[in-house]
Amino acid sequence: MKKISRRKFIQSGILASIGLILLDSLWFEKYVIDWNYFDISKGTKPKVKIIQISDLHLDSIRSFHRSIAEKINNLQPDFIFITGDSVDKTEKIGVLEGFLKMLDISILKIAILGNWEYWGKVNISKLTQAYQKYNCELLIDKHKSLSIKERKITIIGLDDLIGGTPDFKAATENIPESDLKIVLAHCPQHRDLIQKEKANFTTDLILSGHTHGGQVNIFGFVPFKPQGSGKYLKGWYSENDPVMYVSKGIGTSMLPIRFGARAEVVEIDI
């Protein structure tokens, strides 16, 4: 048996490590979805199940999109929240429709805009119509109130912080008394403004995305966070009201890689 020199052994180890990093960043963390479940319900009232999908950045339908849709359909949540950056071009609305078509149409879906819908000059009228075809309402500084499982719930959808012109006051005007108020805001930094603007308005939960968890997160070092991230990166922020969850999202932006920031879908019982 031929003896391998120390130098060749080290070189082989380096090449293998590089290969594993490339495999992880170009495939595993992008396409093997991290499904995160949380139960934040309180009291004895029936739980409401919500699924948050963020930052799809759709350009084609892949097998992991089909697996996401299949799992959602099996879970039969009460709501699916789509928190912005679904497409970045009007021409990609058809791809979005392909994804929405896979979801059970009976599940109520609510969407908001992200910065890329604005930066890509997506036709908002066509996007609204596409969402409506699949039982999805696009909220832009508006709210939707309904009763479900003996609970009165209000969903507030805010315009994007950096691409749009959000108006929290307009979005919350004439909101009826509700057991649960959930705010959808694409950029997590929006939370800081909401804290200043909400006055006596009680918000139970903010759902955000935008950051992609840094997209590249090297053992806690994040080389880049997009404008609108503020001090937020991923996961729960509950040190003060309102409580917020920042999803790492599903797609990628600028660079087609993820490292230390695995794509995720969020499931919450509240």
C-alpha atoms as a PDB file:
ATOM      1  CA  MET A   1       0.000   0.000   0.000  1.00  0.00           C
ATOM      2  CA  LYS A   2       1.421   3.324  -1.091  1.00  0.00           C
ATOM      3  CA  LYS A   3       2.033   5.732   1.763  1.00  0.00           C
ATOM      4  CA  ILE A   4       0.380   9.163   1.446  1.00  0.00           C
ATOM      5  CA  SER A   5       2.638  12.061   2.269  1.00  0.00           C
ATOM      6  CA  ARG A   6       1.634  14.528   4.984  1.00  0.00           C
ATOM      7  CA  ARG A   7       1.481  17.302   2.400  1.00  0.00           C
ATOM      8  CA  LYS A   8      -0.872  15.375   0.124  1.00  0.00           C
ATOM      9  CA  PHE A   9      -2.993  14.380   3.108  1.00  0.00           C
ATOM     10  CA  ILE A  10      -3.387  18.034   4.123  1.00  0.00           C
ATOM     11  CA  GLN A  11      -4.131  19.064   0.519  1.00  0.00           C
ATOM     12  CA  SER A  12      -6.766  16.335   0.207  1.00  0.00           C
ATOM     13  CA  GLY A  13      -8.322  17.444   3.505  1.00  0.00           C
ATOM     14  CA  ILE A  14      -8.480  21.063   2.342  1.00  0.00           C
ATOM     15  CA  LEU A  15     -10.051  20.094  -0.995  1.00  0.00           C
ATOM     16  CA  ALA A  16     -12.579  17.858   0.744  1.00  0.00           C
ATOM     17  CA  SER A  17     -13.481  20.671   3.159  1.00  0.00           C
ATOM     18  CA  ILE A  18     -13.940  23.131   0.292  1.00  0.00           C
ATOM     19  CA  GLY A  19     -16.118  20.588  -1.488  1.00  0.00           C
ATOM     20  CA  LEU A  20     -18.294  20.102   1.577  1.00  0.00           C
ATOM     21  CA  ILE A  21     -18.646  23.859   2.076  1.00  0.00           C
ATOM     22  CA  LEU A  22     -19.691  24.300  -1.568  1.00  0.00           C
ATOM     23  CA  LEU A  23     -22.155  21.425  -1.313  1.00  0.00           C
ATOM     24  CA  ASP A  24     -23.608  22.903   1.868  1.00  0.00           C
ATOM     25  CA  SER A  25     -23.866  26.486   0.603  1.00  0.00           C
ATOM     26  CA  LEU A  26     -24.973  25.765  -2.975  1.00  0.00           C
ATOM     27  CA  TRP A  27     -27.381  22.923  -2.270  1.00  0.00           C
ATOM     28  CA  PHE A  28     -28.109  21.703   1.269  1.00  0.00           C
ATOM     29  CA  GLU A  29     -28.875  24.982   3.036  1.00  0.00           C
ATOM     30  CA  LYS A  30     -30.832  26.274   0.036  1.00  0.00           C
ATOM     31  CA  TYR A  31     -32.960  23.242  -0.735  1.00  0.00           C
ATOM     32  CA  VAL A  32     -33.275  21.201   2.480  1.00  0.00           C
ATOM     33  CA  ILE A  33     -35.811  23.286   4.337  1.00  0.00           C
ATOM     34  CA  ASP A  34     -35.607  23.885   8.093  1.00  0.00           C
ATOM     35  CA  TRP A  35     -39.186  23.544   9.352  1.00  0.00           C
ATOM     36  CA  ASN A  36     -39.416  25.441  12.647  1.00  0.00           C
ATOM     37  CA  TYR A  37     -42.426  24.918  14.919  1.00  0.00           C
ATOM     38  CA  PHE A  38     -43.380  27.070  17.904  1.00  0.00           C
ATOM     39  CA  ASP A  39     -46.309  26.981  20.298  1.00  0.00           C
ATOM     40  CA  ILE A  40     -46.877  30.431  21.790  1.00  0.00           C
ATOM     41  CA  SER A  41     -50.527  29.910  22.652  1.00  0.00           C
ATOM     42  CA  LYS A  42     -51.867  31.158  25.954  1.00  0.00           C
ATOM     43  CA  GLY A  43     -55.000  30.380  27.904  1.00  0.00           C
ATOM     44  CA  THR A  44     -57.633  27.788  27.072  1.00  0.00           C
ATOM     45  CA  LYS A  45     -58.997  29.138  23.795  1.00  0.00           C
ATOM     46  CA  PRO A  46     -58.545  26.963  20.681  1.00  0.00           C
ATOM     47  CA  LYS A  47     -55.158  27.371  19.027  1.00  0.00           C
ATOM     48  CA  VAL A  48     -54.837  29.080  15.663  1.00  0.00           C
ATOM     49  CA  LYS A  49     -52.199  27.570  13.374  1.00  0.00           C
ATOM     50  CA  ILE A  50     -50.268  29.862  11.060  1.00  0.00           C
ATOM     51  CA  ILE A  51     -47.594  29.168   8.483  1.00  0.00           C
ATOM     52  CA  GLN A  52     -45.169  31.909   7.490  1.00  0.00           C
ATOM     53  CA  ILE A  53     -43.504  31.770   4.093  1.00  0.00           C
ATOM     54  CA  SER A  54     -41.041  34.564   3.377  1.00  0.00           C
ATOM     55  CA  ASP A  55     -38.643  35.668   0.653  1.00  0.00           C
ATOM     56  CA  LEU A  56     -39.541  33.069  -1.964  1.00  0.00           C
ATOM     57  CA  HIS A  57     -37.581  34.921  -4.678  1.00  0.00           C
ATOM     58  CA  LEU A  58     -39.206  32.611  -7.209  1.00  0.00           C
ATOM     59  CA  ASP A  59     -37.714  32.030 -10.631  1.00  0.00           C
ATOM     60  CA  SER A  60     -38.799  28.392 -11.073  1.00  0.00           C
ATOM     61  CA  ILE A  61     -40.670  25.671  -9.214  1.00  0.00           C
ATOM     62  CA  ARG A  62     -38.353  23.075  -7.681  1.00  0.00           C
ATOM     63  CA  SER A  63     -38.929  19.855  -5.809  1.00  0.00           C
ATOM     64  CA  PHE A  64     -38.538  21.530  -2.398  1.00  0.00           C
ATOM     65  CA  HIS A  65     -41.364  23.961  -3.278  1.00  0.00           C
ATOM     66  CA  ARG A  66     -43.578  20.936  -3.932  1.00  0.00           C
ATOM     67  CA  SER A  67     -42.584  19.346  -0.621  1.00  0.00           C
ATOM     68  CA  ILE A  68     -43.373  22.604   1.228  1.00  0.00           C
ATOM     69  CA  ALA A  69     -46.812  22.778  -0.389  1.00  0.00           C
ATOM     70  CA  GLU A  70     -47.506  19.124   0.385  1.00  0.00           C
ATOM     71  CA  LYS A  71     -46.617  19.515   4.050  1.00  0.00           C
ATOM     72  CA  ILE A  72     -48.711  22.668   4.376  1.00  0.00           C
ATOM     73  CA  ASN A  73     -51.700  20.938   2.800  1.00  0.00           C
ATOM     74  CA  ASN A  74     -51.338  18.054   5.245  1.00  0.00           C
ATOM     75  CA  LEU A  75     -51.171  20.439   8.211  1.00  0.00           C
ATOM     76  CA  GLN A  76     -54.230  22.430   7.088  1.00  0.00           C
ATOM     77  CA  PRO A  77     -53.271  25.653   8.897  1.00  0.00           C
ATOM     78  CA  ASP A  78     -55.794  28.396   9.529  1.00  0.00           C
ATOM     79  CA  PHE A  79     -53.602  30.959   7.758  1.00  0.00           C
ATOM     80  CA  ILE A  80     -50.650  31.126   5.401  1.00  0.00           C
ATOM     81  CA  PHE A  81     -48.775  34.422   5.635  1.00  0.00           C
ATOM     82  CA  ILE A  82     -46.509  35.335   2.707  1.00  0.00           C
ATOM     83  CA  THR A  83     -44.260  38.092   4.010  1.00  0.00           C
ATOM     84  CA  GLY A  84     -42.802  39.727   0.918  1.00  0.00           C
ATOM     85  CA  ASP A  85     -40.154  39.308  -1.790  1.00  0.00           C
ATOM     86  CA  SER A  86     -42.074  36.593  -3.594  1.00  0.00           C
ATOM     87  CA  VAL A  87     -41.024  37.774  -7.072  1.00  0.00           C
ATOM     88  CA  ASP A  88     -38.770  40.501  -8.435  1.00  0.00           C
ATOM     89  CA  LYS A  89     -40.190  40.795 -11.963  1.00  0.00           C
ATOM     90  CA  THR A  90     -43.688  40.952 -13.409  1.00  0.00           C
ATOM     91  CA  GLU A  91     -42.768  38.067 -15.743  1.00  0.00           C
ATOM     92  CA  LYS A  92     -42.262  35.810 -12.713  1.00  0.00           C
ATOM     93  CA  ILE A  93     -45.823  36.182 -11.454  1.00  0.00           C
ATOM     94  CA  GLY A  94     -46.678  33.068 -13.470  1.00  0.00           C
ATOM     95  CA  VAL A  95     -44.116  31.103 -11.444  1.00  0.00           C
ATOM     96  CA  LEU A  96     -45.685  32.396  -8.241  1.00  0.00           C
ATOM     97  CA  GLU A  97     -49.072  31.225  -9.512  1.00  0.00           C
ATOM     98  CA  GLY A  98     -47.531  27.801 -10.085  1.00  0.00           C
ATOM     99  CA  PHE A  99     -46.542  27.679  -6.424  1.00  0.00           C
ATOM    100  CA  LEU A 100     -49.867  29.015  -5.142  1.00  0.00           C
ATOM    101  CA  LYS A 101     -51.709  26.483  -7.281  1.00  0.00           C
ATOM    102  CA  MET A 102     -50.060  23.665  -5.294  1.00  0.00           C
ATOM    103  CA  LEU A 103     -51.498  24.981  -2.024  1.00  0.00           C
ATOM    104  CA  ASP A 104     -54.992  23.981  -0.913  1.00  0.00           C
ATOM    105  CA  ILE A 105     -57.181  26.821  -2.149  1.00  0.00           C
ATOM    106  CA  SER A 106     -59.428  26.541   0.918  1.00  0.00           C
ATOM    107  CA  ILE A 107     -56.602  27.760   3.184  1.00  0.00           C
ATOM    108  CA  LEU A 108     -56.821  31.518   3.688  1.00  0.00           C
ATOM    109  CA  LYS A 109     -53.645  33.230   2.553  1.00  0.00           C
ATOM    110  CA  ILE A 110     -52.513  36.788   3.231  1.00  0.00           C
ATOM    111  CA  ALA A 111     -49.528  38.423   1.536  1.00  0.00           C
ATOM    112  CA  ILE A 112     -47.563  41.647   1.806  1.00  0.00           C
ATOM    113  CA  LEU A 113     -44.974  43.311  -0.403  1.00  0.00           C
ATOM    114  CA  GLY A 114     -41.213  43.286   0.052  1.00  0.00           C
ATOM    115  CA  ASN A 115     -38.535  45.565  -1.298  1.00  0.00           C
ATOM    116  CA  TRP A 116     -37.902  43.436  -4.403  1.00  0.00           C
ATOM    117  CA  GLU A 117     -41.466  43.784  -5.665  1.00  0.00           C
ATOM    118  CA  TYR A 118     -40.720  47.519  -5.733  1.00  0.00           C
ATOM    119  CA  TRP A 119     -37.123  47.398  -6.926  1.00  0.00           C
ATOM    120  CA  GLY A 120     -38.105  45.006  -9.718  1.00  0.00           C
ATOM    121  CA  LYS A 121     -41.044  47.258 -10.672  1.00  0.00           C
ATOM    122  CA  VAL A 122     -43.487  44.361 -10.401  1.00  0.00           C
ATOM    123  CA  ASN A 123     -46.969  45.228 -11.653  1.00  0.00           C
ATOM    124  CA  ILE A 124     -48.847  45.335  -8.342  1.00  0.00           C
ATOM    125  CA  SER A 125     -52.258  45.122 -10.029  1.00  0.00           C
ATOM    126  CA  LYS A 126     -51.293  41.878 -11.787  1.00  0.00           C
ATOM    127  CA  LEU A 127     -49.718  40.560  -8.601  1.00  0.00           C
ATOM    128  CA  THR A 128     -52.899  41.325  -6.640  1.00  0.00           C
ATOM    129  CA  GLN A 129     -55.009  39.500  -9.230  1.00  0.00           C
ATOM    130  CA  ALA A 130     -52.689  36.493  -9.158  1.00  0.00           C
ATOM    131  CA  TYR A 131     -52.937  36.255  -5.380  1.00  0.00           C
ATOM    132  CA  GLN A 132     -56.725  36.634  -5.462  1.00  0.00           C
ATOM    133  CA  LYS A 133     -57.092  33.647  -7.808  1.00  0.00           C
ATOM    134  CA  TYR A 134     -55.717  31.395  -5.062  1.00  0.00           C
ATOM    135  CA  ASN A 135     -57.595  32.740  -2.031  1.00  0.00           C
ATOM    136  CA  CYS A 136     -54.807  35.130  -1.080  1.00  0.00           C
ATOM    137  CA  GLU A 137     -55.340  38.776  -0.186  1.00  0.00           C
ATOM    138  CA  LEU A 138     -52.524  41.284  -0.662  1.00  0.00           C
ATOM    139  CA  LEU A 139     -52.565  43.821   2.167  1.00  0.00           C
ATOM    140  CA  ILE A 140     -50.798  47.147   1.626  1.00  0.00           C
ATOM    141  CA  ASP A 141     -51.307  49.303   4.715  1.00  0.00           C
ATOM    142  CA  LYS A 142     -54.606  47.571   5.346  1.00  0.00           C
ATOM    143  CA  HIS A 143     -56.041  45.135   7.833  1.00  0.00           C
ATOM    144  CA  LYS A 144     -58.350  42.160   7.666  1.00  0.00           C
ATOM    145  CA  SER A 145     -60.514  41.096  10.619  1.00  0.00           C
ATOM    146  CA  LEU A 146     -62.356  37.814  10.951  1.00  0.00           C
ATOM    147  CA  SER A 147     -63.589  35.309  13.485  1.00  0.00           C
ATOM    148  CA  ILE A 148     -62.138  31.815  13.641  1.00  0.00           C
ATOM    149  CA  LYS A 149     -62.234  29.139  16.331  1.00  0.00           C
ATOM    150  CA  GLU A 150     -64.212  31.387  18.682  1.00  0.00           C
ATOM    151  CA  ARG A 151     -61.557  34.100  18.377  1.00  0.00           C
ATOM    152  CA  LYS A 152     -61.601  37.515  16.740  1.00  0.00           C
ATOM    153  CA  ILE A 153     -58.395  37.985  14.784  1.00  0.00           C
ATOM    154  CA  THR A 154     -57.015  41.000  12.935  1.00  0.00           C
ATOM    155  CA  ILE A 155     -54.156  40.773  10.441  1.00  0.00           C
ATOM    156  CA  ILE A 156     -52.362  44.038   9.637  1.00  0.00           C
ATOM    157  CA  GLY A 157     -50.327  44.109   6.444  1.00  0.00           C
ATOM    158  CA  LEU A 158     -47.817  46.960   6.168  1.00  0.00           C
ATOM    159  CA  ASP A 159     -46.229  48.340   3.031  1.00  0.00           C
ATOM    160  CA  ASP A 160     -42.494  47.678   2.704  1.00  0.00           C
ATOM    161  CA  LEU A 161     -40.246  49.903   4.792  1.00  0.00           C
ATOM    162  CA  ILE A 162     -37.554  50.642   2.201  1.00  0.00           C
ATOM    163  CA  GLY A 163     -39.347  50.159  -1.122  1.00  0.00           C
ATOM    164  CA  GLY A 164     -42.800  51.454  -0.285  1.00  0.00           C
ATOM    165  CA  THR A 165     -44.425  54.141   1.830  1.00  0.00           C
ATOM    166  CA  PRO A 166     -45.743  52.386   4.950  1.00  0.00           C
ATOM    167  CA  ASP A 167     -48.449  54.061   7.008  1.00  0.00           C
ATOM    168  CA  PHE A 168     -49.102  52.265  10.296  1.00  0.00           C
ATOM    169  CA  LYS A 169     -51.846  54.686  11.271  1.00  0.00           C
ATOM    170  CA  ALA A 170     -53.773  54.056   8.051  1.00  0.00           C
ATOM    171  CA  ALA A 171     -53.280  50.312   8.357  1.00  0.00           C
ATOM    172  CA  THR A 172     -54.716  50.224  11.875  1.00  0.00           C
ATOM    173  CA  GLU A 173     -57.506  52.764  11.474  1.00  0.00           C
ATOM    174  CA  ASN A 174     -60.935  51.598  12.649  1.00  0.00           C
ATOM    175  CA  ILE A 175     -59.701  48.172  13.742  1.00  0.00           C
ATOM    176  CA  PRO A 176     -62.388  46.394  15.765  1.00  0.00           C
ATOM    177  CA  GLU A 177     -61.767  44.845  19.160  1.00  0.00           C
ATOM    178  CA  SER A 178     -59.771  41.657  18.607  1.00  0.00           C
ATOM    179  CA  ASP A 179     -58.442  38.780  20.679  1.00  0.00           C
ATOM    180  CA  LEU A 180     -55.340  38.617  18.511  1.00  0.00           C
ATOM    181  CA  LYS A 181     -53.548  41.200  16.370  1.00  0.00           C
ATOM    182  CA  ILE A 182     -50.781  40.065  14.039  1.00  0.00           C
ATOM    183  CA  VAL A 183     -48.666  42.501  12.025  1.00  0.00           C
ATOM    184  CA  LEU A 184     -46.958  41.461   8.791  1.00  0.00           C
ATOM    185  CA  ALA A 185     -43.961  43.689   8.015  1.00  0.00           C
ATOM    186  CA  HIS A 186     -41.296  42.583   5.547  1.00  0.00           C
ATOM    187  CA  CYS A 187     -38.339  44.481   7.034  1.00  0.00           C
ATOM    188  CA  PRO A 188     -37.673  43.700  10.713  1.00  0.00           C
ATOM    189  CA  GLN A 189     -36.374  47.216  11.356  1.00  0.00           C
ATOM    190  CA  HIS A 190     -39.992  48.284  10.896  1.00  0.00           C
ATOM    191  CA  ARG A 191     -40.555  47.011  14.443  1.00  0.00           C
ATOM    192  CA  ASP A 192     -38.623  49.996  15.830  1.00  0.00           C
ATOM    193  CA  LEU A 193     -41.011  52.409  14.117  1.00  0.00           C
ATOM    194  CA  ILE A 194     -44.053  50.423  15.199  1.00  0.00           C
ATOM    195  CA  GLN A 195     -42.880  50.658  18.809  1.00  0.00           C
ATOM    196  CA  LYS A 196     -42.883  54.449  18.476  1.00  0.00           C
ATOM    197  CA  GLU A 197     -46.110  54.755  16.479  1.00  0.00           C
ATOM    198  CA  LYS A 198     -48.406  52.219  18.101  1.00  0.00           C
ATOM    199  CA  ALA A 199     -49.178  54.350  21.199  1.00  0.00           C
ATOM    200  CA  ASN A 200     -51.855  52.380  23.066  1.00  0.00           C
ATOM    201  CA  PHE A 201     -52.406  49.949  20.207  1.00  0.00           C
ATOM    202  CA  THR A 202     -51.629  46.396  21.326  1.00  0.00           C
ATOM    203  CA  THR A 203     -49.812  44.114  18.881  1.00  0.00           C
ATOM    204  CA  ASP A 204     -49.500  40.444  19.782  1.00  0.00           C
ATOM    205  CA  LEU A 205     -46.998  39.387  17.121  1.00  0.00           C
ATOM    206  CA  ILE A 206     -44.971  40.777  14.220  1.00  0.00           C
ATOM    207  CA  LEU A 207     -43.868  38.435  11.457  1.00  0.00           C
ATOM    208  CA  SER A 208     -40.973  39.604   9.327  1.00  0.00           C
ATOM    209  CA  GLY A 209     -38.348  38.290   6.905  1.00  0.00           C
ATOM    210  CA  HIS A 210     -35.988  40.142   4.559  1.00  0.00           C
ATOM    211  CA  THR A 211     -32.648  39.286   6.214  1.00  0.00           C
ATOM    212  CA  HIS A 212     -32.320  35.678   4.967  1.00  0.00           C
ATOM    213  CA  GLY A 213     -30.640  35.077   8.312  1.00  0.00           C
ATOM    214  CA  GLY A 214     -27.685  36.926   6.810  1.00  0.00           C
ATOM    215  CA  GLN A 215     -27.649  34.391   3.963  1.00  0.00           C
ATOM    216  CA  VAL A 216     -23.953  33.924   4.744  1.00  0.00           C
ATOM    217  CA  ASN A 217     -23.378  33.477   8.471  1.00  0.00           C
ATOM    218  CA  ILE A 218     -19.860  32.364   9.369  1.00  0.00           C
ATOM    219  CA  PHE A 219     -20.071  31.178  12.978  1.00  0.00           C
ATOM    220  CA  GLY A 220     -21.986  34.289  13.988  1.00  0.00           C
ATOM    221  CA  PHE A 221     -20.137  36.688  11.691  1.00  0.00           C
ATOM    222  CA  VAL A 222     -22.494  38.088   9.054  1.00  0.00           C
ATOM    223  CA  PRO A 223     -20.625  40.006   6.336  1.00  0.00           C
ATOM    224  CA  PHE A 224     -23.771  41.648   4.984  1.00  0.00           C
ATOM    225  CA  LYS A 225     -27.298  42.446   6.128  1.00  0.00           C
ATOM    226  CA  PRO A 226     -29.658  44.260   3.753  1.00  0.00           C
ATOM    227  CA  GLN A 227     -30.915  47.762   4.438  1.00  0.00           C
ATOM    228  CA  GLY A 228     -34.020  47.520   6.574  1.00  0.00           C
ATOM    229  CA  SER A 229     -32.631  44.764   8.821  1.00  0.00           C
ATOM    230  CA  GLY A 230     -31.584  47.075  11.622  1.00  0.00           C
ATOM    231  CA  LYS A 231     -30.318  45.189  14.674  1.00  0.00           C
ATOM    232  CA  TYR A 232     -32.296  42.093  13.724  1.00  0.00           C
ATOM    233  CA  LEU A 233     -31.109  38.924  12.018  1.00  0.00           C
ATOM    234  CA  LYS A 234     -33.290  35.857  12.633  1.00  0.00           C
ATOM    235  CA  GLY A 235     -35.570  34.137  15.124  1.00  0.00           C
ATOM    236  CA  TRP A 236     -37.438  35.538  18.099  1.00  0.00           C
ATOM    237  CA  TYR A 237     -37.173  39.062  19.520  1.00  0.00           C
ATOM    238  CA  SER A 238     -39.227  39.250  22.697  1.00  0.00           C
ATOM    239  CA  GLU A 239     -37.170  41.448  25.019  1.00  0.00           C
ATOM    240  CA  ASN A 240     -39.941  44.027  24.789  1.00  0.00           C
ATOM    241  CA  ASP A 241     -43.263  44.494  23.010  1.00  0.00           C
ATOM    242  CA  PRO A 242     -44.217  43.790  20.346  1.00  0.00           C
ATOM    243  CA  VAL A 243     -42.848  40.252  20.059  1.00  0.00           C
ATOM    244  CA  MET A 244     -41.386  39.544  16.607  1.00  0.00           C
ATOM    245  CA  TYR A 245     -40.195  36.543  14.641  1.00  0.00           C
ATOM    246  CA  VAL A 246     -37.766  37.084  11.756  1.00  0.00           C
ATOM    247  CA  SER A 247     -37.813  34.260   9.234  1.00  0.00           C
ATOM    248  CA  LYS A 248     -34.674  33.305   7.308  1.00  0.00           C
ATOM    249  CA  GLY A 249     -36.939  32.839   4.300  1.00  0.00           C
ATOM    250  CA  ILE A 250     -36.783  30.337   1.478  1.00  0.00           C
ATOM    251  CA  GLY A 251     -35.039  31.882  -1.530  1.00  0.00           C
ATOM    252  CA  THR A 252     -31.777  33.725  -2.046  1.00  0.00           C
ATOM    253  CA  SER A 253     -30.947  37.213  -3.244  1.00  0.00           C
ATOM    254  CA  MET A 254     -27.906  38.624  -5.080  1.00  0.00           C
ATOM    255  CA  LEU A 255     -25.832  35.468  -4.543  1.00  0.00           C
ATOM    256  CA  PRO A 256     -27.361  31.988  -5.063  1.00  0.00           C
ATOM    257  CA  ILE A 257     -25.888  30.600  -1.843  1.00  0.00           C
ATOM    258  CA  ARG A 258     -26.688  30.085   1.817  1.00  0.00           C
ATOM    259  CA  PHE A 259     -24.145  29.295   4.505  1.00  0.00           C
ATOM    260  CA  GLY A 260     -25.007  29.082   8.205  1.00  0.00           C
ATOM    261  CA  ALA A 261     -28.462  30.406   7.328  1.00  0.00           C
ATOM    262  CA  ARG A 262     -30.563  27.456   6.242  1.00  0.00           C
ATOM    263  CA  ALA A 263     -33.815  28.201   4.414  1.00  0.00           C
ATOM    264  CA  GLU A 264     -36.894  27.871   6.622  1.00  0.00           C
ATOM    265  CA  VAL A 265     -40.653  27.683   6.878  1.00  0.00           C
ATOM    266  CA  VAL A 266     -42.226  28.810  10.155  1.00  0.00           C
ATOM    267  CA  GLU A 267     -45.188  27.071  11.804  1.00  0.00           C
ATOM    268  CA  ILE A 268     -46.731  28.744  14.849  1.00  0.00           C
ATOM    269  CA  ASP A 269     -49.639  27.784  17.095  1.00  0.00           C
ATOM    270  CA  ILE A 270     -50.910  30.916  18.756  1.00  0.00           C
END
